[in-house]
Amino acid sequence: MSVHTNNVQVIKQGGKPAFAVIPYDDYLQLTSEKEEATIPHEVVGMLVEKDWNLVKAWRKHLGISQKVLAKKAGISQPALSQMERSNNLRDSSLEKMALAMGLDPEQLVD
């Protein structure tokens, strides 16, 4: 993440720059960088070995039934079943599934 600021105070020691003081909001932006979304090896294995999409592989990995996940996502179980067979899901569908499974939407995109 890059943060640009024109409000930097440089403190020198012995005539050389020793510290840079930046606005607190800029500091928060620099330190609140999200960790990269990862996909467990087991989920990747299901993608490769069973030719499942990420929605189904994650659901199985988390031990959630279609019925329970569909209810959490606010969709029908047949709609979820169809999503699990598709490789072209809309962003809104991916976000809904990610939220229902407690994931980052990036974890459902290969």
N, C-alpha and C. Protein backbone atom coordinates (compact mmCIF):
# COMPACT_ATOMS: atom_id res chain seq x y z
N MET A 1 0.86 -1.17 0.00
CA MET A 1 0.00 0.00 0.00
C MET A 1 0.90 1.22 0.00
N SER A 2 0.58 2.19 -0.80
CA SER A 2 1.37 3.41 -0.77
C SER A 2 0.51 4.54 -0.24
N VAL A 3 1.11 5.31 0.64
CA VAL A 3 0.45 6.47 1.22
C VAL A 3 1.29 7.67 0.86
N HIS A 4 0.66 8.66 0.26
CA HIS A 4 1.38 9.87 -0.11
C HIS A 4 0.96 11.00 0.81
N THR A 5 1.94 11.68 1.35
CA THR A 5 1.65 12.81 2.22
C THR A 5 2.69 13.90 2.01
N ASN A 6 2.24 15.10 2.09
CA ASN A 6 3.16 16.24 2.01
C ASN A 6 3.47 16.77 3.39
N ASN A 7 2.92 16.14 4.41
CA ASN A 7 3.05 16.63 5.76
C ASN A 7 3.95 15.71 6.57
N VAL A 8 5.25 15.74 6.28
CA VAL A 8 6.22 14.91 6.96
C VAL A 8 7.21 15.80 7.68
N GLN A 9 7.46 15.44 8.93
CA GLN A 9 8.46 16.16 9.70
C GLN A 9 9.68 15.25 9.84
N VAL A 10 10.84 15.73 9.42
CA VAL A 10 12.07 14.95 9.52
C VAL A 10 12.86 15.47 10.70
N ILE A 11 13.24 14.56 11.59
CA ILE A 11 14.03 14.91 12.77
C ILE A 11 15.45 14.41 12.54
N LYS A 12 16.39 15.30 12.71
CA LYS A 12 17.79 14.96 12.47
C LYS A 12 18.53 14.77 13.78
N GLN A 13 19.52 13.90 13.72
CA GLN A 13 20.46 13.70 14.83
C GLN A 13 21.85 13.72 14.24
N GLY A 14 22.67 14.58 14.77
CA GLY A 14 24.02 14.70 14.24
C GLY A 14 24.02 15.18 12.80
N GLY A 15 23.02 15.96 12.43
CA GLY A 15 22.94 16.51 11.09
C GLY A 15 22.41 15.54 10.04
N LYS A 16 22.05 14.33 10.45
CA LYS A 16 21.53 13.34 9.50
C LYS A 16 20.08 12.99 9.86
N PRO A 17 19.25 12.73 8.84
CA PRO A 17 17.87 12.33 9.13
C PRO A 17 17.84 11.06 9.97
N ALA A 18 17.07 11.10 11.08
CA ALA A 18 16.98 9.95 11.97
C ALA A 18 15.54 9.44 12.09
N PHE A 19 14.58 10.34 12.02
CA PHE A 19 13.18 9.96 12.18
C PHE A 19 12.33 10.75 11.21
N ALA A 20 11.22 10.14 10.80
CA ALA A 20 10.23 10.83 9.99
C ALA A 20 8.91 10.74 10.74
N VAL A 21 8.31 11.88 10.98
CA VAL A 21 7.02 11.94 11.67
C VAL A 21 5.95 12.23 10.62
N ILE A 22 4.92 11.38 10.61
CA ILE A 22 3.86 11.55 9.62
C ILE A 22 2.52 11.72 10.35
N PRO A 23 1.52 12.26 9.68
CA PRO A 23 0.20 12.39 10.31
C PRO A 23 -0.34 11.02 10.73
N TYR A 24 -1.07 11.01 11.83
CA TYR A 24 -1.57 9.77 12.40
C TYR A 24 -2.46 9.00 11.42
N ASP A 25 -3.30 9.70 10.65
CA ASP A 25 -4.15 9.02 9.67
C ASP A 25 -3.32 8.28 8.62
N ASP A 26 -2.21 8.88 8.20
CA ASP A 26 -1.32 8.22 7.25
C ASP A 26 -0.68 6.98 7.89
N TYR A 27 -0.30 7.11 9.15
CA TYR A 27 0.26 5.98 9.89
C TYR A 27 -0.73 4.83 9.93
N LEU A 28 -2.01 5.14 10.23
CA LEU A 28 -3.03 4.10 10.29
C LEU A 28 -3.19 3.40 8.95
N GLN A 29 -3.14 4.16 7.86
CA GLN A 29 -3.24 3.56 6.53
C GLN A 29 -2.07 2.62 6.28
N LEU A 30 -0.90 3.01 6.69
CA LEU A 30 0.29 2.18 6.46
C LEU A 30 0.27 0.90 7.29
N THR A 31 -0.27 0.97 8.50
CA THR A 31 -0.22 -0.18 9.38
C THR A 31 -1.46 -1.05 9.32
N SER A 32 -2.50 -0.61 8.64
CA SER A 32 -3.72 -1.41 8.59
C SER A 32 -3.82 -2.21 7.30
N GLU A 33 -2.73 -2.40 6.64
CA GLU A 33 -2.73 -3.16 5.40
C GLU A 33 -3.25 -4.57 5.65
N LYS A 34 -4.23 -4.99 4.84
CA LYS A 34 -4.83 -6.31 4.99
C LYS A 34 -3.84 -7.39 4.60
N GLU A 35 -3.96 -8.51 5.31
CA GLU A 35 -3.17 -9.66 4.90
C GLU A 35 -3.73 -10.19 3.58
N GLU A 36 -2.87 -10.78 2.82
CA GLU A 36 -3.30 -11.34 1.54
C GLU A 36 -4.23 -12.52 1.79
N ALA A 37 -5.34 -12.54 1.05
CA ALA A 37 -6.29 -13.64 1.18
C ALA A 37 -5.64 -14.92 0.67
N THR A 38 -5.75 -15.97 1.45
CA THR A 38 -5.13 -17.24 1.06
C THR A 38 -6.19 -18.32 0.93
N ILE A 39 -5.81 -19.38 0.28
CA ILE A 39 -6.68 -20.54 0.09
C ILE A 39 -5.93 -21.76 0.62
N PRO A 40 -6.50 -22.48 1.59
CA PRO A 40 -5.81 -23.64 2.16
C PRO A 40 -5.52 -24.72 1.11
N HIS A 41 -4.47 -25.44 1.35
CA HIS A 41 -4.04 -26.52 0.47
C HIS A 41 -5.17 -27.52 0.22
N GLU A 42 -5.94 -27.83 1.26
CA GLU A 42 -7.03 -28.78 1.14
C GLU A 42 -8.08 -28.31 0.13
N VAL A 43 -8.37 -27.00 0.14
CA VAL A 43 -9.36 -26.44 -0.79
C VAL A 43 -8.83 -26.53 -2.22
N VAL A 44 -7.56 -26.19 -2.40
CA VAL A 44 -6.95 -26.27 -3.73
C VAL A 44 -6.96 -27.72 -4.22
N GLY A 45 -6.70 -28.64 -3.31
CA GLY A 45 -6.72 -30.07 -3.67
C GLY A 45 -8.08 -30.49 -4.20
N MET A 46 -9.16 -29.99 -3.58
CA MET A 46 -10.51 -30.33 -4.05
C MET A 46 -10.77 -29.74 -5.44
N LEU A 47 -10.21 -28.57 -5.70
CA LEU A 47 -10.36 -27.95 -7.02
C LEU A 47 -9.75 -28.84 -8.08
N VAL A 48 -8.56 -29.31 -7.80
CA VAL A 48 -7.79 -30.08 -8.77
C VAL A 48 -8.30 -31.52 -8.88
N GLU A 49 -8.41 -32.19 -7.75
CA GLU A 49 -8.74 -33.61 -7.75
C GLU A 49 -10.20 -33.90 -8.08
N LYS A 50 -11.10 -33.04 -7.63
CA LYS A 50 -12.53 -33.33 -7.80
C LYS A 50 -13.19 -32.41 -8.83
N ASP A 51 -12.41 -31.47 -9.36
CA ASP A 51 -12.90 -30.53 -10.37
C ASP A 51 -14.11 -29.72 -9.85
N TRP A 52 -14.03 -29.32 -8.57
CA TRP A 52 -15.06 -28.49 -7.97
C TRP A 52 -14.68 -27.03 -8.14
N ASN A 53 -15.65 -26.13 -8.07
CA ASN A 53 -15.31 -24.71 -8.04
C ASN A 53 -15.02 -24.31 -6.59
N LEU A 54 -14.57 -23.08 -6.39
CA LEU A 54 -14.17 -22.65 -5.06
C LEU A 54 -15.33 -22.58 -4.07
N VAL A 55 -16.51 -22.25 -4.53
CA VAL A 55 -17.66 -22.19 -3.61
C VAL A 55 -17.91 -23.56 -2.99
N LYS A 56 -17.95 -24.59 -3.83
CA LYS A 56 -18.21 -25.94 -3.32
C LYS A 56 -17.03 -26.44 -2.47
N ALA A 57 -15.81 -26.20 -2.94
CA ALA A 57 -14.64 -26.68 -2.20
C ALA A 57 -14.57 -26.03 -0.82
N TRP A 58 -14.80 -24.74 -0.73
CA TRP A 58 -14.81 -24.06 0.57
C TRP A 58 -15.93 -24.59 1.45
N ARG A 59 -17.12 -24.77 0.88
CA ARG A 59 -18.25 -25.26 1.67
C ARG A 59 -17.92 -26.61 2.28
N LYS A 60 -17.38 -27.50 1.46
CA LYS A 60 -17.01 -28.83 1.94
C LYS A 60 -15.91 -28.74 3.00
N HIS A 61 -14.90 -27.89 2.74
CA HIS A 61 -13.79 -27.71 3.67
C HIS A 61 -14.28 -27.21 5.03
N LEU A 62 -15.26 -26.32 5.00
CA LEU A 62 -15.80 -25.75 6.25
C LEU A 62 -16.84 -26.66 6.90
N GLY A 63 -17.23 -27.74 6.20
CA GLY A 63 -18.18 -28.69 6.76
C GLY A 63 -19.60 -28.14 6.87
N ILE A 64 -19.99 -27.32 5.90
CA ILE A 64 -21.32 -26.72 5.90
C ILE A 64 -22.17 -27.41 4.83
N SER A 65 -23.40 -27.74 5.18
CA SER A 65 -24.29 -28.36 4.19
C SER A 65 -24.82 -27.29 3.23
N GLN A 66 -25.28 -27.74 2.08
CA GLN A 66 -25.88 -26.79 1.13
C GLN A 66 -27.07 -26.07 1.75
N LYS A 67 -27.87 -26.80 2.49
CA LYS A 67 -29.06 -26.22 3.09
C LYS A 67 -28.70 -25.09 4.06
N VAL A 68 -27.73 -25.34 4.91
CA VAL A 68 -27.31 -24.33 5.90
C VAL A 68 -26.68 -23.12 5.21
N LEU A 69 -25.79 -23.36 4.25
CA LEU A 69 -25.14 -22.24 3.55
C LEU A 69 -26.14 -21.42 2.75
N ALA A 70 -27.06 -22.09 2.09
CA ALA A 70 -28.07 -21.38 1.32
C ALA A 70 -28.89 -20.47 2.23
N LYS A 71 -29.26 -20.98 3.39
CA LYS A 71 -30.04 -20.18 4.34
C LYS A 71 -29.24 -18.97 4.81
N LYS A 72 -27.94 -19.18 5.15
CA LYS A 72 -27.09 -18.08 5.59
C LYS A 72 -26.91 -17.03 4.50
N ALA A 73 -26.89 -17.47 3.26
CA ALA A 73 -26.68 -16.56 2.13
C ALA A 73 -27.98 -15.93 1.63
N GLY A 74 -29.10 -16.44 2.13
CA GLY A 74 -30.39 -15.89 1.72
C GLY A 74 -30.82 -16.31 0.32
N ILE A 75 -30.42 -17.52 -0.06
CA ILE A 75 -30.80 -18.05 -1.37
C ILE A 75 -31.39 -19.44 -1.18
N SER A 76 -31.94 -20.01 -2.23
CA SER A 76 -32.48 -21.36 -2.13
C SER A 76 -31.37 -22.39 -2.29
N GLN A 77 -31.61 -23.58 -1.77
CA GLN A 77 -30.63 -24.66 -1.92
C GLN A 77 -30.41 -25.03 -3.38
N PRO A 78 -31.46 -25.09 -4.23
CA PRO A 78 -31.21 -25.36 -5.66
C PRO A 78 -30.36 -24.27 -6.33
N ALA A 79 -30.53 -23.01 -5.90
CA ALA A 79 -29.71 -21.93 -6.46
C ALA A 79 -28.25 -22.13 -6.08
N LEU A 80 -27.99 -22.54 -4.83
CA LEU A 80 -26.62 -22.81 -4.40
C LEU A 80 -26.04 -23.98 -5.17
N SER A 81 -26.83 -25.02 -5.36
CA SER A 81 -26.37 -26.17 -6.11
C SER A 81 -25.95 -25.76 -7.52
N GLN A 82 -26.73 -24.89 -8.13
CA GLN A 82 -26.38 -24.40 -9.47
C GLN A 82 -25.10 -23.57 -9.43
N MET A 83 -24.94 -22.74 -8.40
CA MET A 83 -23.72 -21.93 -8.27
C MET A 83 -22.48 -22.82 -8.16
N GLU A 84 -22.64 -23.93 -7.46
CA GLU A 84 -21.50 -24.83 -7.25
C GLU A 84 -21.10 -25.56 -8.54
N ARG A 85 -21.94 -25.53 -9.54
CA ARG A 85 -21.61 -26.15 -10.82
C ARG A 85 -21.15 -25.13 -11.86
N SER A 86 -21.14 -23.87 -11.49
CA SER A 86 -20.79 -22.81 -12.44
C SER A 86 -19.38 -22.30 -12.19
N ASN A 87 -18.73 -21.88 -13.26
CA ASN A 87 -17.42 -21.25 -13.14
C ASN A 87 -17.47 -19.77 -13.47
N ASN A 88 -18.67 -19.26 -13.72
CA ASN A 88 -18.84 -17.85 -14.07
C ASN A 88 -19.87 -17.21 -13.15
N LEU A 89 -19.47 -16.98 -11.91
CA LEU A 89 -20.39 -16.37 -10.95
C LEU A 89 -20.22 -14.85 -10.94
N ARG A 90 -21.34 -14.17 -10.75
CA ARG A 90 -21.30 -12.71 -10.66
C ARG A 90 -20.60 -12.28 -9.38
N ASP A 91 -20.02 -11.08 -9.41
CA ASP A 91 -19.35 -10.55 -8.22
C ASP A 91 -20.29 -10.49 -7.03
N SER A 92 -21.55 -10.11 -7.27
CA SER A 92 -22.51 -10.01 -6.16
C SER A 92 -22.76 -11.39 -5.54
N SER A 93 -22.78 -12.42 -6.37
CA SER A 93 -22.97 -13.78 -5.85
C SER A 93 -21.76 -14.23 -5.04
N LEU A 94 -20.57 -13.92 -5.54
CA LEU A 94 -19.35 -14.27 -4.82
C LEU A 94 -19.28 -13.55 -3.48
N GLU A 95 -19.66 -12.29 -3.45
CA GLU A 95 -19.65 -11.53 -2.20
C GLU A 95 -20.63 -12.12 -1.20
N LYS A 96 -21.80 -12.50 -1.67
CA LYS A 96 -22.83 -13.10 -0.82
C LYS A 96 -22.33 -14.42 -0.22
N MET A 97 -21.71 -15.24 -1.05
CA MET A 97 -21.19 -16.53 -0.58
C MET A 97 -20.03 -16.33 0.40
N ALA A 98 -19.15 -15.38 0.08
CA ALA A 98 -18.01 -15.11 0.96
C ALA A 98 -18.50 -14.67 2.33
N LEU A 99 -19.45 -13.76 2.37
CA LEU A 99 -19.99 -13.27 3.63
C LEU A 99 -20.61 -14.42 4.43
N ALA A 100 -21.38 -15.26 3.76
CA ALA A 100 -22.04 -16.38 4.44
C ALA A 100 -21.04 -17.39 5.01
N MET A 101 -19.86 -17.51 4.37
CA MET A 101 -18.86 -18.47 4.84
C MET A 101 -17.77 -17.82 5.68
N GLY A 102 -17.85 -16.49 5.88
CA GLY A 102 -16.83 -15.81 6.67
C GLY A 102 -15.51 -15.68 5.95
N LEU A 103 -15.57 -15.53 4.62
CA LEU A 103 -14.36 -15.44 3.80
C LEU A 103 -14.23 -14.06 3.18
N ASP A 104 -13.08 -13.79 2.63
CA ASP A 104 -12.86 -12.62 1.81
C ASP A 104 -13.29 -12.99 0.40
N PRO A 105 -14.03 -12.13 -0.33
CA PRO A 105 -14.45 -12.48 -1.68
C PRO A 105 -13.30 -12.95 -2.58
N GLU A 106 -12.10 -12.43 -2.34
CA GLU A 106 -10.94 -12.84 -3.15
C GLU A 106 -10.65 -14.32 -3.00
N GLN A 107 -11.08 -14.93 -1.90
CA GLN A 107 -10.83 -16.34 -1.68
C GLN A 107 -11.75 -17.24 -2.50
N LEU A 108 -12.68 -16.63 -3.21
CA LEU A 108 -13.59 -17.41 -4.05
C LEU A 108 -13.32 -17.18 -5.54
N VAL A 109 -12.22 -16.52 -5.84
CA VAL A 109 -11.86 -16.24 -7.24
C VAL A 109 -10.55 -16.97 -7.54
N ASP A 110 -10.57 -17.78 -8.62
CA ASP A 110 -9.31 -18.45 -8.99
C ASP A 110 -8.63 -17.79 -10.12
